């Protein structure tokens, strides 16, 4: 099963791109915060950034209604993609592909 639910703050304005074949994609990053107690009992905050990608109806919704600083809840799946650098080295990155989104 590949299922992710995540709530966070959009940390970069959504960027729409056109893929070969004419399909649109929107990419943005989402920041989440994690609170925990350290060994001394002090509350610590850890911030994480997540790569997000969306297709279909989410392109226009994210482009028109969302911007940096907006809180959203996302349901999606983790996707890994590969690419080659100019020197020919194979690299991988993971991102969350949006299946559903709620603006909070």
N, C-alpha and C. Protein backbone atom coordinates (compact mmCIF):
# COMPACT_ATOMS: atom_id res chain seq x y z
N UNK A 1 0.85 -1.17 0.00
CA UNK A 1 0.00 0.00 0.00
C UNK A 1 0.89 1.24 0.00
N UNK A 2 0.57 2.18 -0.82
CA UNK A 2 1.33 3.42 -0.95
C UNK A 2 0.35 4.57 -0.75
N UNK A 3 0.23 5.04 0.50
CA UNK A 3 -0.77 6.05 0.85
C UNK A 3 -0.17 7.02 1.86
N UNK A 4 -0.27 8.31 1.57
CA UNK A 4 0.28 9.34 2.45
C UNK A 4 -0.78 10.39 2.73
N UNK A 5 -0.93 10.76 4.00
CA UNK A 5 -1.73 11.90 4.42
C UNK A 5 -0.78 12.87 5.10
N UNK A 6 -0.81 14.12 4.68
CA UNK A 6 0.13 15.09 5.20
C UNK A 6 -0.55 16.46 5.28
N UNK A 7 -0.30 17.17 6.37
CA UNK A 7 -0.83 18.52 6.55
C UNK A 7 0.36 19.44 6.76
N UNK A 8 0.39 20.53 6.02
CA UNK A 8 1.50 21.46 6.15
C UNK A 8 1.22 22.78 5.47
N UNK A 9 2.26 23.57 5.39
CA UNK A 9 2.18 24.92 4.81
C UNK A 9 2.94 24.92 3.49
N UNK A 10 2.30 25.44 2.44
CA UNK A 10 2.98 25.54 1.15
C UNK A 10 4.16 26.49 1.32
N UNK A 11 5.36 26.01 1.00
CA UNK A 11 6.56 26.81 1.25
C UNK A 11 7.19 27.38 -0.02
N UNK A 12 6.57 27.12 -1.16
CA UNK A 12 6.99 27.78 -2.40
C UNK A 12 5.76 27.90 -3.29
N UNK A 13 5.65 29.00 -4.01
CA UNK A 13 4.50 29.16 -4.90
C UNK A 13 4.46 28.01 -5.90
N UNK A 14 3.26 27.43 -6.13
CA UNK A 14 3.14 26.36 -7.11
C UNK A 14 3.61 26.82 -8.49
N UNK A 15 4.37 25.95 -9.15
CA UNK A 15 4.92 26.26 -10.46
C UNK A 15 4.37 25.28 -11.49
N UNK A 16 3.70 25.81 -12.50
CA UNK A 16 3.10 24.97 -13.54
C UNK A 16 4.09 24.81 -14.68
N UNK A 17 4.21 23.57 -15.15
CA UNK A 17 5.08 23.26 -16.29
C UNK A 17 4.30 22.44 -17.29
N UNK A 18 4.75 22.49 -18.53
CA UNK A 18 4.14 21.71 -19.59
C UNK A 18 5.05 20.54 -19.92
N UNK A 19 4.51 19.34 -19.86
CA UNK A 19 5.28 18.14 -20.15
C UNK A 19 5.24 17.85 -21.65
N UNK A 20 6.19 17.08 -22.16
CA UNK A 20 6.11 16.66 -23.56
C UNK A 20 4.76 15.96 -23.78
N UNK A 21 4.07 16.31 -24.84
CA UNK A 21 2.76 15.74 -25.08
C UNK A 21 1.63 16.66 -24.65
N UNK A 22 1.98 17.79 -24.00
CA UNK A 22 0.99 18.80 -23.67
C UNK A 22 0.35 18.69 -22.30
N UNK A 23 0.67 17.67 -21.52
CA UNK A 23 0.09 17.51 -20.18
C UNK A 23 0.74 18.51 -19.22
N UNK A 24 -0.08 19.13 -18.36
CA UNK A 24 0.43 20.09 -17.38
C UNK A 24 0.70 19.39 -16.05
N UNK A 25 1.70 19.90 -15.35
CA UNK A 25 2.05 19.43 -14.02
C UNK A 25 2.33 20.65 -13.16
N UNK A 26 2.01 20.55 -11.87
CA UNK A 26 2.32 21.63 -10.94
C UNK A 26 3.21 21.05 -9.84
N UNK A 27 4.27 21.79 -9.52
CA UNK A 27 5.21 21.39 -8.47
C UNK A 27 5.26 22.48 -7.41
N UNK A 28 5.36 22.04 -6.15
CA UNK A 28 5.51 22.97 -5.04
C UNK A 28 6.14 22.21 -3.88
N UNK A 29 6.52 22.92 -2.85
CA UNK A 29 7.04 22.25 -1.66
C UNK A 29 6.10 22.51 -0.49
N UNK A 30 6.07 21.55 0.41
CA UNK A 30 5.20 21.63 1.57
C UNK A 30 6.06 21.46 2.82
N UNK A 31 5.90 22.35 3.78
CA UNK A 31 6.67 22.29 5.03
C UNK A 31 5.78 21.72 6.13
N UNK A 32 6.34 20.79 6.89
CA UNK A 32 5.66 20.24 8.05
C UNK A 32 6.54 20.42 9.28
N UNK A 33 5.91 20.45 10.44
CA UNK A 33 6.66 20.60 11.70
C UNK A 33 6.41 19.39 12.57
N UNK A 34 7.46 18.98 13.25
CA UNK A 34 7.43 17.85 14.16
C UNK A 34 7.87 18.36 15.53
N UNK A 35 7.09 18.10 16.56
CA UNK A 35 7.45 18.52 17.92
C UNK A 35 7.83 17.29 18.72
N UNK A 36 8.90 17.40 19.51
CA UNK A 36 9.34 16.29 20.35
C UNK A 36 10.08 16.84 21.57
N UNK A 37 10.24 15.98 22.58
CA UNK A 37 10.98 16.35 23.78
C UNK A 37 12.41 15.86 23.67
N UNK A 38 13.38 16.73 23.96
CA UNK A 38 14.78 16.30 23.96
C UNK A 38 15.09 15.62 25.29
N UNK A 39 16.35 15.22 25.48
CA UNK A 39 16.75 14.49 26.68
C UNK A 39 16.57 15.30 27.97
N UNK A 40 16.58 16.62 27.85
CA UNK A 40 16.39 17.48 29.02
C UNK A 40 14.92 17.82 29.26
N UNK A 41 14.04 17.31 28.43
CA UNK A 41 12.61 17.57 28.58
C UNK A 41 12.13 18.85 27.92
N UNK A 42 12.98 19.48 27.10
CA UNK A 42 12.60 20.69 26.38
C UNK A 42 11.92 20.33 25.07
N UNK A 43 10.91 21.12 24.73
CA UNK A 43 10.22 20.90 23.45
C UNK A 43 11.10 21.39 22.31
N UNK A 44 11.31 20.54 21.35
CA UNK A 44 12.08 20.87 20.15
C UNK A 44 11.16 20.80 18.94
N UNK A 45 11.48 21.58 17.93
CA UNK A 45 10.70 21.58 16.70
C UNK A 45 11.62 21.25 15.54
N UNK A 46 11.22 20.29 14.74
CA UNK A 46 11.98 19.93 13.55
C UNK A 46 11.09 20.21 12.35
N UNK A 47 11.62 20.93 11.37
CA UNK A 47 10.86 21.24 10.17
C UNK A 47 11.36 20.37 9.02
N UNK A 48 10.40 19.84 8.26
CA UNK A 48 10.71 19.03 7.07
C UNK A 48 10.07 19.66 5.85
N UNK A 49 10.71 19.51 4.71
CA UNK A 49 10.17 20.00 3.45
C UNK A 49 9.94 18.81 2.54
N UNK A 50 8.82 18.82 1.85
CA UNK A 50 8.43 17.71 1.00
C UNK A 50 8.17 18.21 -0.42
N UNK A 51 8.74 17.51 -1.40
CA UNK A 51 8.45 17.82 -2.80
C UNK A 51 7.06 17.31 -3.12
N UNK A 52 6.27 18.14 -3.78
CA UNK A 52 4.90 17.78 -4.15
C UNK A 52 4.72 17.96 -5.65
N UNK A 53 3.91 17.09 -6.24
CA UNK A 53 3.59 17.21 -7.66
C UNK A 53 2.12 16.86 -7.85
N UNK A 54 1.47 17.51 -8.79
CA UNK A 54 0.05 17.25 -9.03
C UNK A 54 -0.25 17.39 -10.52
N UNK A 55 -1.26 16.64 -10.94
CA UNK A 55 -1.70 16.63 -12.34
C UNK A 55 -3.21 16.88 -12.39
N UNK A 56 -3.74 16.95 -13.60
CA UNK A 56 -5.19 17.04 -13.80
C UNK A 56 -5.79 18.29 -13.21
N UNK A 57 -6.96 18.12 -12.56
CA UNK A 57 -7.70 19.27 -12.03
C UNK A 57 -6.92 20.04 -10.97
N UNK A 58 -5.96 19.38 -10.32
CA UNK A 58 -5.20 20.04 -9.25
C UNK A 58 -4.28 21.13 -9.79
N UNK A 59 -3.92 21.06 -11.06
CA UNK A 59 -3.04 22.09 -11.64
C UNK A 59 -3.71 23.46 -11.54
N UNK A 60 -4.93 23.57 -12.05
CA UNK A 60 -5.59 24.88 -12.04
C UNK A 60 -5.98 25.31 -10.62
N UNK A 61 -6.38 24.37 -9.77
CA UNK A 61 -6.74 24.71 -8.39
C UNK A 61 -5.53 25.26 -7.64
N UNK A 62 -4.41 24.57 -7.74
CA UNK A 62 -3.20 25.03 -7.05
C UNK A 62 -2.70 26.35 -7.62
N UNK A 63 -2.76 26.48 -8.94
CA UNK A 63 -2.28 27.71 -9.59
C UNK A 63 -3.14 28.92 -9.20
N UNK A 64 -4.46 28.74 -9.14
CA UNK A 64 -5.36 29.85 -8.90
C UNK A 64 -5.61 30.16 -7.43
N UNK A 65 -5.65 29.13 -6.57
CA UNK A 65 -6.09 29.33 -5.19
C UNK A 65 -4.99 29.20 -4.14
N UNK A 66 -3.85 28.66 -4.52
CA UNK A 66 -2.81 28.39 -3.52
C UNK A 66 -1.54 29.19 -3.80
N UNK A 67 -0.90 29.58 -2.72
CA UNK A 67 0.37 30.29 -2.83
C UNK A 67 1.18 30.00 -1.56
N UNK A 68 2.39 30.48 -1.54
CA UNK A 68 3.27 30.30 -0.39
C UNK A 68 2.56 30.78 0.88
N UNK A 69 2.60 29.95 1.93
CA UNK A 69 2.01 30.31 3.21
C UNK A 69 0.65 29.71 3.48
N UNK A 70 0.00 29.16 2.47
CA UNK A 70 -1.33 28.56 2.62
C UNK A 70 -1.20 27.18 3.27
N UNK A 71 -2.06 26.87 4.24
CA UNK A 71 -2.09 25.55 4.86
C UNK A 71 -2.99 24.62 4.06
N UNK A 72 -2.51 23.41 3.82
CA UNK A 72 -3.28 22.42 3.06
C UNK A 72 -3.14 21.03 3.69
N UNK A 73 -4.14 20.21 3.45
CA UNK A 73 -4.08 18.78 3.77
C UNK A 73 -4.02 18.05 2.43
N UNK A 74 -3.10 17.13 2.32
CA UNK A 74 -2.90 16.41 1.06
C UNK A 74 -3.00 14.91 1.31
N UNK A 75 -3.69 14.24 0.42
CA UNK A 75 -3.70 12.78 0.38
C UNK A 75 -3.04 12.41 -0.93
N UNK A 76 -2.09 11.49 -0.87
CA UNK A 76 -1.39 11.13 -2.10
C UNK A 76 -0.58 9.86 -1.95
N UNK A 77 0.42 9.75 -2.82
CA UNK A 77 1.30 8.58 -2.79
C UNK A 77 2.73 9.01 -3.00
N UNK A 78 3.66 8.21 -2.50
CA UNK A 78 5.08 8.49 -2.66
C UNK A 78 5.55 7.92 -3.99
N UNK A 79 6.21 8.77 -4.79
CA UNK A 79 6.70 8.37 -6.11
C UNK A 79 8.19 8.67 -6.19
N UNK A 80 8.97 7.72 -6.69
CA UNK A 80 10.41 7.95 -6.90
C UNK A 80 10.66 8.08 -8.39
N UNK A 81 11.48 9.05 -8.73
CA UNK A 81 11.81 9.30 -10.14
C UNK A 81 13.33 9.32 -10.30
N UNK A 82 13.76 8.99 -11.50
CA UNK A 82 15.19 8.93 -11.80
C UNK A 82 15.51 9.89 -12.94
N UNK A 83 16.73 10.39 -12.91
CA UNK A 83 17.22 11.23 -14.01
C UNK A 83 18.73 11.08 -14.09
N UNK A 84 19.30 11.56 -15.18
CA UNK A 84 20.75 11.53 -15.37
C UNK A 84 21.29 12.95 -15.37
N UNK A 85 22.40 13.14 -14.67
CA UNK A 85 23.06 14.44 -14.65
C UNK A 85 23.78 14.64 -15.98
N UNK A 86 24.30 15.84 -16.18
CA UNK A 86 25.05 16.12 -17.41
C UNK A 86 26.26 15.21 -17.55
N UNK A 87 26.80 14.77 -16.42
CA UNK A 87 27.97 13.89 -16.46
C UNK A 87 27.58 12.41 -16.62
N UNK A 88 26.26 12.14 -16.70
CA UNK A 88 25.80 10.78 -16.92
C UNK A 88 25.48 10.00 -15.65
N UNK A 89 25.66 10.63 -14.49
CA UNK A 89 25.39 9.96 -13.22
C UNK A 89 23.87 9.83 -13.01
N UNK A 90 23.44 8.65 -12.58
CA UNK A 90 22.01 8.40 -12.35
C UNK A 90 21.65 8.87 -10.94
N UNK A 91 20.62 9.70 -10.84
CA UNK A 91 20.17 10.24 -9.55
C UNK A 91 18.69 9.90 -9.36
N UNK A 92 18.27 9.84 -8.10
CA UNK A 92 16.90 9.55 -7.77
C UNK A 92 16.38 10.60 -6.79
N UNK A 93 15.10 10.93 -6.89
CA UNK A 93 14.46 11.76 -5.88
C UNK A 93 13.05 11.23 -5.68
N UNK A 94 12.51 11.51 -4.51
CA UNK A 94 11.14 11.09 -4.19
C UNK A 94 10.28 12.31 -3.97
N UNK A 95 9.01 12.17 -4.31
CA UNK A 95 8.06 13.25 -4.13
C UNK A 95 6.69 12.67 -3.83
N UNK A 96 5.81 13.50 -3.33
CA UNK A 96 4.44 13.08 -3.06
C UNK A 96 3.58 13.53 -4.22
N UNK A 97 2.87 12.59 -4.84
CA UNK A 97 1.95 12.90 -5.92
C UNK A 97 0.56 13.08 -5.33
N UNK A 98 -0.04 14.24 -5.56
CA UNK A 98 -1.32 14.60 -4.96
C UNK A 98 -2.47 13.85 -5.63
N UNK A 99 -3.29 13.19 -4.78
CA UNK A 99 -4.53 12.58 -5.24
C UNK A 99 -5.74 13.42 -4.81
N UNK A 100 -5.61 14.06 -3.65
CA UNK A 100 -6.69 14.90 -3.12
C UNK A 100 -6.06 16.00 -2.28
N UNK A 101 -6.73 17.15 -2.21
CA UNK A 101 -6.17 18.30 -1.50
C UNK A 101 -7.30 19.10 -0.90
N UNK A 102 -7.10 19.55 0.33
CA UNK A 102 -8.06 20.42 1.01
C UNK A 102 -7.30 21.67 1.46
N UNK A 103 -7.81 22.84 1.10
CA UNK A 103 -7.23 24.10 1.56
C UNK A 103 -7.79 24.36 2.95
N UNK A 104 -6.90 24.54 3.90
CA UNK A 104 -7.34 24.74 5.30
C UNK A 104 -7.45 26.21 5.66
